């Protein structure tokens, strides 16, 4: 399915390592570089999700039970955009940021949509 937009048929996990023409954040129609390439079976046309790390929140219920201080819990990762891969090299791939609900940052995780 080379070149046809599709989701990968296996589990994909990686990171955004660079943003083209941006210092730290990107939005729709900007280019992101990921640390997954042909050796990781990434293909042109793959659609991946971009996820930001979950925030830490104070767990009020657990904090009250323990009575020894605040207990923090981490929320699950939040999907912030899709990434459509258009160029693949052996070790990295280039993708177009699409459908961003928030900014995409260096270090955000990529995975199956």
C-alpha atoms as a PDB file:
ATOM      1  CA  UNK A   1       0.000   0.000   0.000  1.00  0.00           C
ATOM      2  CA  UNK A   2       2.856   2.368  -0.789  1.00  0.00           C
ATOM      3  CA  UNK A   3       1.672   5.988  -0.931  1.00  0.00           C
ATOM      4  CA  UNK A   4      -1.958   5.340   0.049  1.00  0.00           C
ATOM      5  CA  UNK A   5      -2.907   6.936   3.370  1.00  0.00           C
ATOM      6  CA  UNK A   6      -3.490   4.168   5.907  1.00  0.00           C
ATOM      7  CA  UNK A   7      -2.888   3.244   9.533  1.00  0.00           C
ATOM      8  CA  UNK A   8       0.002   0.868  10.253  1.00  0.00           C
ATOM      9  CA  UNK A   9      -0.999  -2.760  10.785  1.00  0.00           C
ATOM     10  CA  UNK A  10       1.384  -3.161  13.733  1.00  0.00           C
ATOM     11  CA  UNK A  11       2.142  -1.313  16.975  1.00  0.00           C
ATOM     12  CA  UNK A  12       4.206   1.847  16.405  1.00  0.00           C
ATOM     13  CA  UNK A  13       5.911   3.842  19.170  1.00  0.00           C
ATOM     14  CA  UNK A  14       8.425   6.663  18.774  1.00  0.00           C
ATOM     15  CA  UNK A  15       9.141  10.335  19.311  1.00  0.00           C
ATOM     16  CA  UNK A  16       9.165  13.592  17.408  1.00  0.00           C
ATOM     17  CA  UNK A  17      12.850  14.493  17.251  1.00  0.00           C
ATOM     18  CA  UNK A  18      12.690  17.689  15.210  1.00  0.00           C
ATOM     19  CA  UNK A  19      10.275  20.208  13.753  1.00  0.00           C
ATOM     20  CA  UNK A  20      11.089  21.683  10.355  1.00  0.00           C
ATOM     21  CA  UNK A  21      11.202  25.482  10.271  1.00  0.00           C
ATOM     22  CA  UNK A  22      10.091  25.744  13.911  1.00  0.00           C
ATOM     23  CA  UNK A  23      12.041  26.076  17.152  1.00  0.00           C
ATOM     24  CA  UNK A  24       9.939  24.120  19.607  1.00  0.00           C
ATOM     25  CA  UNK A  25       6.271  23.982  18.576  1.00  0.00           C
ATOM     26  CA  UNK A  26       4.365  23.294  15.364  1.00  0.00           C
ATOM     27  CA  UNK A  27       0.793  23.329  14.127  1.00  0.00           C
ATOM     28  CA  UNK A  28      -1.245  22.168  11.152  1.00  0.00           C
ATOM     29  CA  UNK A  29       0.581  21.658   7.853  1.00  0.00           C
ATOM     30  CA  UNK A  30       4.027  21.857   9.429  1.00  0.00           C
ATOM     31  CA  UNK A  31       6.656  19.139   9.088  1.00  0.00           C
ATOM     32  CA  UNK A  32       7.776  16.874  11.929  1.00  0.00           C
ATOM     33  CA  UNK A  33      10.673  14.397  11.924  1.00  0.00           C
ATOM     34  CA  UNK A  34      10.225  11.141  13.860  1.00  0.00           C
ATOM     35  CA  UNK A  35      12.801   8.612  15.055  1.00  0.00           C
ATOM     36  CA  UNK A  36      11.220   5.712  13.160  1.00  0.00           C
ATOM     37  CA  UNK A  37      12.162   4.802   9.601  1.00  0.00           C
ATOM     38  CA  UNK A  38      12.246   2.023   7.030  1.00  0.00           C
ATOM     39  CA  UNK A  39      14.136  -0.278   9.400  1.00  0.00           C
ATOM     40  CA  UNK A  40      11.118   0.073  11.742  1.00  0.00           C
ATOM     41  CA  UNK A  41       8.735  -0.745   8.852  1.00  0.00           C
ATOM     42  CA  UNK A  42       7.352   2.798   8.554  1.00  0.00           C
ATOM     43  CA  UNK A  43       5.890   3.429   5.090  1.00  0.00           C
ATOM     44  CA  UNK A  44       4.933   6.447   3.029  1.00  0.00           C
ATOM     45  CA  UNK A  45       1.232   7.041   3.678  1.00  0.00           C
ATOM     46  CA  UNK A  46       1.179   5.816   7.267  1.00  0.00           C
ATOM     47  CA  UNK A  47      -1.072   7.910   9.487  1.00  0.00           C
ATOM     48  CA  UNK A  48       0.144   8.143  13.075  1.00  0.00           C
ATOM     49  CA  UNK A  49      -1.200   9.827  16.174  1.00  0.00           C
ATOM     50  CA  UNK A  50       0.791  12.491  18.022  1.00  0.00           C
ATOM     51  CA  UNK A  51       0.431  12.294  21.796  1.00  0.00           C
ATOM     52  CA  UNK A  52       1.512  14.724  24.497  1.00  0.00           C
ATOM     53  CA  UNK A  53       2.536  13.422  27.900  1.00  0.00           C
ATOM     54  CA  UNK A  54      -0.291  13.292  30.417  1.00  0.00           C
ATOM     55  CA  UNK A  55      -0.378  16.009  33.054  1.00  0.00           C
ATOM     56  CA  UNK A  56       0.170  15.373  36.739  1.00  0.00           C
ATOM     57  CA  UNK A  57      -2.748  16.164  39.034  1.00  0.00           C
ATOM     58  CA  UNK A  58      -3.210  15.985  42.784  1.00  0.00           C
ATOM     59  CA  UNK A  59      -5.359  12.986  43.678  1.00  0.00           C
ATOM     60  CA  UNK A  60      -7.580  14.530  46.358  1.00  0.00           C
ATOM     61  CA  UNK A  61      -9.212  11.242  47.398  1.00  0.00           C
ATOM     62  CA  UNK A  62      -5.913   9.380  47.892  1.00  0.00           C
ATOM     63  CA  UNK A  63      -4.352  12.429  49.584  1.00  0.00           C
ATOM     64  CA  UNK A  64      -7.183  12.502  52.139  1.00  0.00           C
ATOM     65  CA  UNK A  65      -6.890   8.751  52.793  1.00  0.00           C
ATOM     66  CA  UNK A  66      -3.138   8.888  53.450  1.00  0.00           C
ATOM     67  CA  UNK A  67      -3.158  12.146  55.440  1.00  0.00           C
ATOM     68  CA  UNK A  68       0.588  12.426  54.907  1.00  0.00           C
ATOM     69  CA  UNK A  69       0.686  14.873  52.017  1.00  0.00           C
ATOM     70  CA  UNK A  70      -0.381  15.239  48.433  1.00  0.00           C
ATOM     71  CA  UNK A  71      -0.552  12.195  46.186  1.00  0.00           C
ATOM     72  CA  UNK A  72      -0.045  12.906  42.494  1.00  0.00           C
ATOM     73  CA  UNK A  73      -1.354  10.847  39.604  1.00  0.00           C
ATOM     74  CA  UNK A  74      -0.429  11.127  35.947  1.00  0.00           C
ATOM     75  CA  UNK A  75      -3.237  11.393  33.418  1.00  0.00           C
ATOM     76  CA  UNK A  76      -2.993   9.259  30.257  1.00  0.00           C
ATOM     77  CA  UNK A  77      -1.345  10.723  27.135  1.00  0.00           C
ATOM     78  CA  UNK A  78      -3.574  13.060  25.115  1.00  0.00           C
ATOM     79  CA  UNK A  79      -3.827  12.840  21.332  1.00  0.00           C
ATOM     80  CA  UNK A  80      -3.119  16.284  19.898  1.00  0.00           C
ATOM     81  CA  UNK A  81      -2.727  15.671  16.137  1.00  0.00           C
ATOM     82  CA  UNK A  82      -2.336  13.222  13.291  1.00  0.00           C
ATOM     83  CA  UNK A  83       0.885  12.832  11.325  1.00  0.00           C
ATOM     84  CA  UNK A  84       0.830  11.678   7.683  1.00  0.00           C
ATOM     85  CA  UNK A  85       4.199  10.245   6.628  1.00  0.00           C
ATOM     86  CA  UNK A  86       5.410  11.439   3.220  1.00  0.00           C
ATOM     87  CA  UNK A  87       9.139  10.573   3.212  1.00  0.00           C
ATOM     88  CA  UNK A  88      10.933   7.639   4.820  1.00  0.00           C
ATOM     89  CA  UNK A  89      14.676   7.080   5.225  1.00  0.00           C
ATOM     90  CA  UNK A  90      16.379   4.192   6.993  1.00  0.00           C
ATOM     91  CA  UNK A  91      16.303   5.750  10.470  1.00  0.00           C
ATOM     92  CA  UNK A  92      13.906   8.732  10.360  1.00  0.00           C
ATOM     93  CA  UNK A  93      10.671   9.713   8.631  1.00  0.00           C
ATOM     94  CA  UNK A  94       9.071  13.028   7.727  1.00  0.00           C
ATOM     95  CA  UNK A  95       5.396  13.708   8.260  1.00  0.00           C
ATOM     96  CA  UNK A  96       2.847  16.465   7.801  1.00  0.00           C
ATOM     97  CA  UNK A  97       1.000  17.553  10.956  1.00  0.00           C
ATOM     98  CA  UNK A  98      -2.769  17.385  10.414  1.00  0.00           C
ATOM     99  CA  UNK A  99      -5.891  17.943  12.546  1.00  0.00           C
ATOM    100  CA  UNK A 100      -3.933  19.520  15.425  1.00  0.00           C
ATOM    101  CA  UNK A 101      -6.091  20.406  18.417  1.00  0.00           C
ATOM    102  CA  UNK A 102      -3.079  21.843  20.271  1.00  0.00           C
ATOM    103  CA  UNK A 103       0.531  22.599  19.462  1.00  0.00           C
ATOM    104  CA  UNK A 104       2.894  19.750  18.594  1.00  0.00           C
ATOM    105  CA  UNK A 105       6.227  19.865  20.441  1.00  0.00           C
ATOM    106  CA  UNK A 106       9.668  18.320  20.147  1.00  0.00           C
ATOM    107  CA  UNK A 107       9.613  15.184  22.286  1.00  0.00           C
ATOM    108  CA  UNK A 108       5.912  14.415  21.810  1.00  0.00           C
ATOM    109  CA  UNK A 109       5.264  10.724  21.288  1.00  0.00           C
ATOM    110  CA  UNK A 110       3.933   9.128  18.133  1.00  0.00           C
ATOM    111  CA  UNK A 111       1.900   5.960  17.948  1.00  0.00           C
ATOM    112  CA  UNK A 112      -1.007   4.276  16.277  1.00  0.00           C
ATOM    113  CA  UNK A 113      -3.946   6.599  15.631  1.00  0.00           C
END
